[in-house]
Protein backbone atom coordinates (compact mmCIF):
# COMPACT_ATOMS: atom_id res chain seq x y z
CA MET A 1 -45.22 -31.05 76.68
CA LYS A 2 -49.06 -31.64 76.68
CA LYS A 3 -49.62 -28.13 78.11
CA ARG A 4 -47.40 -26.72 75.43
CA SER A 5 -49.25 -28.50 72.65
CA ILE A 6 -52.48 -27.18 73.99
CA ARG A 7 -51.11 -23.65 74.34
CA ILE A 8 -49.94 -23.76 70.49
CA PHE A 9 -53.32 -25.12 69.38
CA PHE A 10 -54.94 -22.27 71.30
CA TYR A 11 -52.70 -19.73 69.58
CA LEU A 12 -53.47 -21.29 66.20
CA VAL A 13 -57.26 -21.05 66.79
CA ILE A 14 -56.89 -17.39 67.81
CA PHE A 15 -54.75 -16.63 64.85
CA PHE A 16 -57.34 -18.25 62.33
CA LEU A 17 -60.25 -16.42 63.97
CA LEU A 18 -58.33 -13.10 63.65
CA VAL A 19 -57.66 -13.92 59.90
CA ILE A 20 -61.39 -14.80 59.41
CA ILE A 21 -62.60 -11.55 61.14
CA SER A 22 -60.17 -9.35 59.21
CA ILE A 23 -61.00 -10.57 55.63
CA PRO A 24 -63.62 -8.69 53.74
CA GLY A 25 -67.23 -9.87 53.99
CA HIS A 26 -67.61 -11.02 50.43
CA TYR A 27 -64.90 -13.37 50.71
CA LYS A 28 -66.47 -15.06 53.73
CA ARG A 29 -69.74 -15.31 51.98
CA ALA A 30 -68.03 -16.70 48.88
CA LEU A 31 -66.34 -19.20 51.02
CA VAL A 32 -69.62 -20.19 52.92
CA TYR A 33 -71.93 -20.37 49.87
CA GLY A 34 -69.48 -21.73 47.33
CA HIS A 35 -70.59 -21.70 43.70
CA ALA A 36 -73.59 -19.46 42.44
CA ASN A 37 -76.90 -21.42 42.50
CA ILE A 38 -80.42 -20.73 40.99
CA ASP A 39 -82.03 -20.23 44.43
CA ASP A 40 -79.51 -17.71 45.58
CA PHE A 41 -82.18 -15.11 45.96
CA THR A 42 -82.82 -16.88 49.39
CA ILE A 43 -79.45 -15.62 50.62
CA PHE A 44 -79.62 -12.15 49.34
CA GLU A 45 -81.76 -9.11 50.05
CA ASN A 46 -84.14 -8.65 47.21
CA SER A 47 -86.52 -6.05 45.77
CA ILE A 48 -89.90 -6.97 44.28
CA VAL A 49 -90.56 -6.28 40.65
CA GLN A 50 -94.28 -5.82 40.98
CA ASN A 51 -96.85 -7.36 38.35
CA ALA A 52 -100.36 -6.16 37.68
CA GLN A 53 -103.15 -8.65 36.77
CA GLY A 54 -101.43 -11.58 34.93
CA ILE A 55 -102.80 -13.01 31.69
CA PRO A 56 -102.35 -16.82 31.65
CA TRP A 57 -100.76 -18.33 28.52
CA GLN A 58 -103.37 -20.03 26.37
CA HIS A 59 -102.48 -23.80 25.55
CA ASP A 60 -101.96 -25.06 22.12
CA SER A 61 -104.30 -27.78 20.65
CA LEU A 62 -101.16 -29.94 21.00
CA TYR A 63 -100.21 -28.98 24.48
CA ASN A 64 -97.89 -31.56 25.77
CA VAL A 65 -98.94 -34.15 23.25
CA LEU A 66 -95.50 -34.19 21.63
CA THR A 67 -92.80 -35.28 24.09
CA ILE A 68 -89.08 -34.56 24.12
CA ASN A 69 -87.12 -36.95 22.08
CA PRO A 70 -85.65 -39.55 24.50
CA ALA A 71 -82.18 -39.20 22.88
CA LEU A 72 -82.04 -35.57 24.00
CA LEU A 73 -83.54 -36.14 27.58
CA SER A 74 -80.24 -37.64 28.94
CA ALA A 75 -78.69 -34.14 28.31
CA PHE A 76 -81.66 -32.43 29.99
CA ASP A 77 -80.99 -34.70 33.00
CA THR A 78 -77.20 -34.47 32.91
CA PHE A 79 -77.27 -30.48 33.12
CA GLY A 80 -80.18 -30.31 35.89
CA THR A 81 -83.01 -29.02 33.87
CA THR A 82 -85.65 -27.81 36.08
CA ALA A 83 -88.02 -26.13 33.50
CA PHE A 84 -88.51 -26.40 29.68
CA VAL A 85 -91.43 -24.40 28.01
CA VAL A 86 -92.17 -23.92 24.21
CA ILE A 87 -94.43 -21.21 22.95
CA ARG A 88 -95.74 -21.36 19.41
CA ASP A 89 -97.93 -18.84 17.91
CA LYS A 90 -98.39 -17.24 21.37
CA LYS A 91 -99.64 -20.37 23.08
CA ILE A 92 -97.84 -22.99 25.22
CA ILE A 93 -97.35 -26.09 23.12
CA HIS A 94 -94.92 -27.85 25.72
CA GLU A 95 -94.39 -27.37 29.37
CA GLU A 96 -92.32 -29.80 31.66
CA TYR A 97 -90.58 -29.33 34.98
CA TRP A 98 -88.15 -31.43 37.06
CA ASP A 99 -86.67 -31.71 40.50
CA GLY A 100 -89.70 -30.50 42.35
CA ALA A 101 -90.03 -27.32 40.12
CA SER A 102 -93.35 -26.09 38.90
CA ASP A 103 -94.88 -23.11 36.84
CA THR A 104 -94.65 -21.10 40.08
CA THR A 105 -91.01 -21.93 40.85
CA ARG A 106 -88.59 -18.79 40.62
CA SER A 107 -85.23 -19.30 39.30
CA ASN A 108 -82.10 -16.85 38.99
CA SER A 109 -81.65 -16.23 35.42
CA PHE A 110 -78.05 -14.98 35.94
CA SER A 111 -76.92 -13.04 32.74
CA VAL A 112 -80.44 -13.20 31.10
CA ALA A 113 -80.83 -10.19 33.39
CA LYS A 114 -78.48 -8.41 31.02
CA SER A 115 -80.88 -8.47 28.23
CA ILE A 116 -83.65 -7.24 30.46
CA VAL A 117 -81.55 -4.16 31.27
CA SER A 118 -81.13 -3.71 27.58
CA LEU A 119 -84.95 -3.80 27.08
CA LEU A 120 -85.15 -0.96 29.78
CA VAL A 121 -82.54 1.08 28.13
CA GLY A 122 -84.76 0.91 25.03
CA CYS A 123 -87.60 2.22 27.05
CA LEU A 124 -85.62 5.43 27.90
CA VAL A 125 -84.60 5.87 24.23
CA ASP A 126 -88.23 5.68 23.32
CA GLU A 127 -89.10 8.25 25.86
CA GLY A 128 -86.44 10.57 24.66
CA LYS A 129 -84.68 10.68 28.00
CA ILE A 130 -81.73 9.06 26.17
CA LYS A 131 -81.39 11.21 23.10
CA SER A 132 -78.60 9.07 21.29
CA LEU A 133 -76.87 5.68 22.29
CA ASP A 134 -73.66 7.69 21.36
CA GLN A 135 -74.10 9.92 24.37
CA PRO A 136 -71.10 9.77 26.88
CA VAL A 137 -71.69 7.89 29.99
CA THR A 138 -70.41 10.70 31.99
CA ASP A 139 -73.37 12.76 30.91
CA PHE A 140 -75.50 10.68 33.37
CA LEU A 141 -72.76 9.44 35.58
CA PRO A 142 -70.33 12.25 36.45
CA ASP A 143 -68.80 10.38 39.21
CA PHE A 144 -67.30 7.77 36.54
CA LYS A 145 -64.18 9.74 36.04
CA ASN A 146 -61.43 7.26 35.38
CA THR A 147 -61.85 7.35 31.45
CA ASN A 148 -58.26 8.28 30.81
CA GLY A 149 -59.18 10.59 28.07
CA PHE A 150 -61.53 8.09 26.19
CA SER A 151 -65.11 8.81 25.45
CA LEU A 152 -67.30 5.98 26.66
CA SER A 153 -70.80 5.86 25.30
CA ILE A 154 -73.96 3.97 26.16
CA LYS A 155 -73.75 1.96 23.05
CA ASP A 156 -70.26 0.80 24.13
CA LEU A 157 -71.81 -0.48 27.36
CA LEU A 158 -74.74 -2.23 25.48
CA THR A 159 -72.27 -4.00 23.05
CA MET A 160 -69.69 -5.01 25.79
CA SER A 161 -66.93 -2.84 24.25
CA SER A 162 -66.30 -0.46 26.95
CA GLY A 163 -62.55 -1.16 27.34
CA ILE A 164 -63.00 -1.08 31.04
CA ASP A 165 -60.31 -3.00 33.09
CA TRP A 166 -62.43 -5.88 34.57
CA ASP A 167 -61.99 -9.60 35.17
CA GLU A 168 -64.99 -11.69 34.32
CA GLY A 169 -63.61 -14.61 36.13
CA TYR A 170 -66.18 -16.68 38.09
CA SER A 171 -64.20 -19.30 39.80
CA SER A 172 -61.60 -16.90 41.54
CA LEU A 173 -62.27 -15.77 44.98
CA PHE A 174 -60.42 -12.62 44.17
CA SER A 175 -61.99 -11.65 40.96
CA PRO A 176 -64.27 -8.38 40.89
CA THR A 177 -67.11 -10.63 39.51
CA THR A 178 -66.99 -12.48 42.82
CA LYS A 179 -66.81 -9.35 44.90
CA ALA A 180 -69.79 -7.93 42.91
CA TYR A 181 -71.88 -11.14 43.50
CA TYR A 182 -71.21 -11.43 47.19
CA GLY A 183 -70.15 -7.86 48.05
CA GLY A 184 -72.30 -5.01 49.35
CA GLN A 185 -71.18 -1.81 47.42
CA LEU A 186 -71.93 -2.43 43.73
CA ALA A 187 -72.23 1.26 42.71
CA GLU A 188 -69.08 2.29 44.50
CA GLN A 189 -67.11 -0.79 42.89
CA VAL A 190 -68.01 0.01 39.24
CA LEU A 191 -67.79 3.71 39.51
CA ASP A 192 -64.29 3.27 40.67
CA LEU A 193 -63.41 1.21 37.46
CA ASN A 194 -60.87 2.41 34.84
CA VAL A 195 -61.29 2.61 31.03
CA THR A 196 -57.86 1.21 29.82
CA LYS A 197 -58.52 0.64 26.14
CA GLU A 198 -60.36 2.40 23.49
CA PRO A 199 -64.03 1.70 23.65
CA GLY A 200 -66.22 0.83 20.77
CA LYS A 201 -63.46 -1.34 19.12
CA ILE A 202 -63.29 -4.84 20.76
CA PHE A 203 -66.02 -6.99 22.22
CA GLU A 204 -65.14 -8.18 25.67
CA TYR A 205 -67.79 -9.73 27.66
CA GLN A 206 -68.03 -8.22 31.18
CA SER A 207 -70.63 -7.68 33.82
CA CYS A 208 -69.67 -4.27 34.90
CA ASP A 209 -70.95 -2.82 31.69
CA THR A 210 -74.54 -3.83 32.51
CA GLN A 211 -74.12 -2.64 36.10
CA LEU A 212 -73.18 0.81 34.72
CA LEU A 213 -76.28 0.73 32.52
CA SER A 214 -78.49 0.06 35.47
CA LEU A 215 -77.00 3.14 37.32
CA ILE A 216 -77.68 5.21 34.34
CA ILE A 217 -81.34 3.96 34.18
CA GLU A 218 -81.65 5.02 37.98
CA LYS A 219 -80.04 8.23 37.38
CA ILE A 220 -82.41 9.21 34.54
CA THR A 221 -85.58 7.89 36.15
CA GLY A 222 -84.96 8.68 39.74
CA LYS A 223 -86.47 5.11 40.41
CA THR A 224 -84.90 1.73 41.43
CA LEU A 225 -84.27 -0.56 38.59
CA SER A 226 -87.08 -2.73 40.03
CA GLU A 227 -89.64 0.11 40.02
CA TYR A 228 -88.75 0.99 36.51
CA ALA A 229 -88.78 -2.54 35.29
CA SER A 230 -92.24 -3.16 36.92
CA GLU A 231 -93.70 0.01 35.38
CA LYS A 232 -92.22 -0.37 31.79
CA LEU A 233 -91.92 -4.10 31.45
CA TRP A 234 -93.27 -6.53 33.94
CA LYS A 235 -96.82 -5.17 34.32
CA PRO A 236 -97.22 -4.34 30.44
CA ILE A 237 -96.35 -7.87 29.54
CA ALA A 238 -98.89 -9.12 31.98
CA ALA A 239 -96.53 -11.41 34.11
CA GLU A 240 -98.35 -13.75 36.27
CA HIS A 241 -96.00 -13.49 39.36
CA PRO A 242 -94.10 -10.76 40.97
CA ALA A 243 -90.26 -11.20 40.15
CA LEU A 244 -87.38 -10.64 42.51
CA TRP A 245 -84.20 -8.82 41.75
CA SER A 246 -81.34 -9.50 44.21
CA LEU A 247 -79.63 -6.52 45.91
CA ASP A 248 -76.20 -5.89 47.11
CA HIS A 249 -77.58 -5.03 50.58
CA ALA A 250 -80.85 -4.07 52.04
CA ASP A 251 -82.39 -1.12 50.26
CA GLY A 252 -79.25 -1.13 48.01
CA ASP A 253 -78.68 -1.61 44.30
CA GLU A 254 -79.95 -4.34 42.12
CA LYS A 255 -77.39 -6.90 40.82
CA ALA A 256 -78.52 -5.80 37.30
CA TYR A 257 -75.98 -8.09 35.52
CA CYS A 258 -77.06 -11.30 37.08
CA CYS A 259 -79.91 -11.63 39.43
CA PHE A 260 -83.30 -11.30 38.11
CA ASN A 261 -85.61 -14.25 39.57
CA SER A 262 -88.76 -15.35 37.99
CA THR A 263 -90.66 -18.25 36.55
CA ALA A 264 -90.16 -20.11 33.30
CA THR A 265 -93.62 -18.92 31.82
CA ASP A 266 -93.06 -15.32 32.84
CA PHE A 267 -89.62 -15.46 31.27
CA ALA A 268 -91.24 -16.65 28.06
CA ARG A 269 -93.00 -13.19 27.91
CA ILE A 270 -89.75 -11.42 27.60
CA GLY A 271 -89.03 -13.73 24.55
CA GLN A 272 -92.50 -13.25 23.13
CA LEU A 273 -92.10 -9.44 23.43
CA VAL A 274 -88.81 -9.51 21.34
CA LEU A 275 -90.30 -11.95 18.88
CA ASP A 276 -93.27 -9.50 18.34
CA SER A 277 -90.91 -6.58 17.72
CA GLY A 278 -91.70 -4.88 21.14
CA GLN A 279 -95.50 -5.40 21.01
CA PHE A 280 -97.48 -7.22 23.80
CA ASN A 281 -101.25 -7.52 23.75
CA ASN A 282 -101.52 -4.99 20.96
CA GLN A 283 -99.50 -2.48 23.05
CA GLN A 284 -96.16 -1.09 21.84
CA ILE A 285 -93.81 -1.45 24.76
CA ILE A 286 -90.57 -1.01 23.19
CA SER A 287 -90.05 0.30 19.81
CA LYS A 288 -89.39 -1.87 16.69
CA GLU A 289 -86.36 0.27 15.89
CA TYR A 290 -84.59 -0.29 19.18
CA LEU A 291 -85.27 -4.03 19.16
CA LYS A 292 -83.93 -4.43 15.65
CA GLN A 293 -80.82 -2.86 16.71
CA ALA A 294 -80.58 -4.64 19.89
CA THR A 295 -80.87 -8.02 18.12
CA THR A 296 -78.58 -7.26 15.12
CA PRO A 297 -74.90 -8.26 15.63
CA ALA A 298 -72.64 -5.24 16.26
CA ILE A 299 -70.34 -6.23 13.24
CA TRP A 300 -68.27 -2.87 13.60
CA LEU A 301 -66.55 -4.57 16.59
CA LYS A 302 -64.05 -7.33 16.52
CA GLY A 303 -65.15 -10.41 18.36
CA GLU A 304 -63.13 -12.70 20.40
CA ASP A 305 -61.81 -14.42 17.49
CA GLY A 306 -60.61 -11.13 15.93
CA ASN A 307 -63.26 -11.34 13.11
CA PRO A 308 -66.09 -8.91 12.85
CA LEU A 309 -68.67 -9.58 15.77
CA ASP A 310 -71.65 -11.62 14.39
CA TYR A 311 -73.16 -13.03 17.48
CA TYR A 312 -73.82 -10.24 19.89
CA GLY A 313 -75.90 -7.03 19.91
CA TYR A 314 -77.11 -4.83 22.62
CA GLN A 315 -76.96 -7.55 25.54
CA PHE A 316 -78.52 -10.19 23.36
CA TRP A 317 -76.88 -13.15 21.66
CA MET A 318 -77.43 -14.48 18.16
CA LEU A 319 -76.86 -17.69 16.32
CA THR A 320 -78.17 -19.65 13.30
CA HIS A 321 -79.24 -23.25 13.79
CA LYS A 322 -80.52 -25.39 10.88
CA GLY A 323 -80.94 -22.36 8.68
CA ASN A 324 -83.04 -20.56 11.41
CA LYS A 325 -81.92 -17.18 13.03
CA VAL A 326 -82.17 -17.50 16.85
CA VAL A 327 -81.88 -14.57 19.11
CA TYR A 328 -81.30 -15.50 22.73
CA ALA A 329 -80.60 -14.39 26.31
CA ARG A 330 -78.34 -16.76 28.39
CA GLY A 331 -77.24 -17.47 31.83
CA ILE A 332 -74.14 -19.18 33.15
CA LEU A 333 -75.90 -22.17 34.50
CA GLY A 334 -77.96 -22.85 31.35
CA GLN A 335 -80.73 -20.23 31.59
CA TYR A 336 -81.88 -19.53 28.19
CA ILE A 337 -84.67 -17.57 26.41
CA PHE A 338 -84.62 -18.59 22.70
CA ILE A 339 -86.48 -16.53 20.15
CA ILE A 340 -86.90 -18.11 16.77
CA PRO A 341 -88.67 -15.85 14.41
CA SER A 342 -89.05 -18.15 11.41
CA LEU A 343 -90.97 -20.70 13.57
CA ASN A 344 -92.89 -18.07 15.49
CA THR A 345 -91.60 -19.78 18.65
CA VAL A 346 -90.10 -18.90 21.97
CA ALA A 347 -88.48 -21.61 24.17
CA VAL A 348 -87.21 -21.14 27.76
CA ARG A 349 -84.97 -23.54 29.53
CA LEU A 350 -83.96 -23.22 33.20
CA GLY A 351 -81.57 -25.53 35.07
CA THR A 352 -78.45 -25.88 37.27
CA ALA A 353 -75.49 -26.40 34.85
CA ARG A 354 -74.59 -25.97 31.22
CA SER A 355 -72.12 -28.00 29.06
CA ASP A 356 -68.45 -27.38 29.32
CA LYS A 357 -68.06 -28.49 25.61
CA ARG A 358 -68.15 -26.08 22.84
CA VAL A 359 -69.65 -26.17 19.41
CA ASN A 360 -68.60 -23.13 17.35
CA ASN A 361 -67.53 -21.56 20.66
CA LEU A 362 -71.06 -21.98 22.13
CA PRO A 363 -72.24 -24.34 24.95
CA GLN A 364 -73.06 -27.68 23.42
CA ASP A 365 -76.39 -27.82 25.37
CA ILE A 366 -77.65 -24.93 23.62
CA PHE A 367 -78.20 -27.09 20.44
CA THR A 368 -79.91 -29.87 22.58
CA TYR A 369 -82.59 -27.46 23.80
CA LEU A 370 -83.03 -25.95 20.28
CA ASP A 371 -83.27 -29.44 18.79
CA ALA A 372 -85.90 -30.32 21.27
CA ALA A 373 -87.99 -27.17 20.63
CA PHE A 374 -87.64 -27.50 16.79
CA ALA A 375 -88.95 -31.15 16.96
CA ILE A 376 -91.98 -30.13 19.17
CA VAL A 377 -93.07 -27.23 16.77
CA GLY A 378 -92.59 -29.67 13.81
CA GLU A 379 -89.32 -28.40 12.45
CA LYS A 380 -86.80 -31.06 11.61
């Protein structure tokens, strides 16, 4: 009886080993690593987004004099805040780090990367290499063939209204988003997708749209996304540190929709660029015209509530808080770049989680960080 039990156990072990060996690699990686984390660049291959000679931020005369309201700090702690930086009038007025982070600590920005891709599309528009945002995607990606008779434009991708069949689920092992994050063939995956609904009608947030934009950028420029980002963005805004863009495999494609890794103060430069209508250090890097469009809601679309879309543009989000318009980029674990034109302020928050509670369908923690930034720059 004992020998039989051992034999059965042996066969079960062999069976489970065979199952593990046979399942696709991205399932294994998802099971091993579990949930996405801000330091996942350590488990992926990465390309370097090179900087030039960085220009350090100047400090405001009230640098770190004003502290975060203690009533708000509990939320900062609850959601694992690692960095909070506030820029007023192009100077750092507040800078604080937690859990061993510092001004040189890189963090994954998750979907903040989508806004960076939008800026790179703007560069191509300014160069005349994209003649119109209404150009069909197939002009640039002839291998994207499953349009089912619909015309899919670059603008449809920018506004997340592509009508592509995609599941943006993050918790499912079997969703295409999980495959995109842990898999190794991103281009093949997104080029094989299907347009199943008429584009340009309904806003539906999905990462495949940004990934297709990145393939268009590479097709037009003949450069990797990281090379083009370095040339047109990271060097011109005088980033102090090279950034890392995680790849699907060695020498592969950047995970354009999620995985740009940098420091809080360098992320703030992205915000300052948007705040200054595309100018940095007296150089026009992206046209005012493109940025105005990018940061204006695409109201011709229907939002998730069926009403005209009033909170999303070209891969940028918008809201109004205490009478102030806020443009922002956001990532799933509470990565935010807030641009507040009326206060001439940029605020960056990095961390490991965001609130599950919603206020007007937005993560509640957004308002905590905005309240903290408003108080620091003297706005009640």
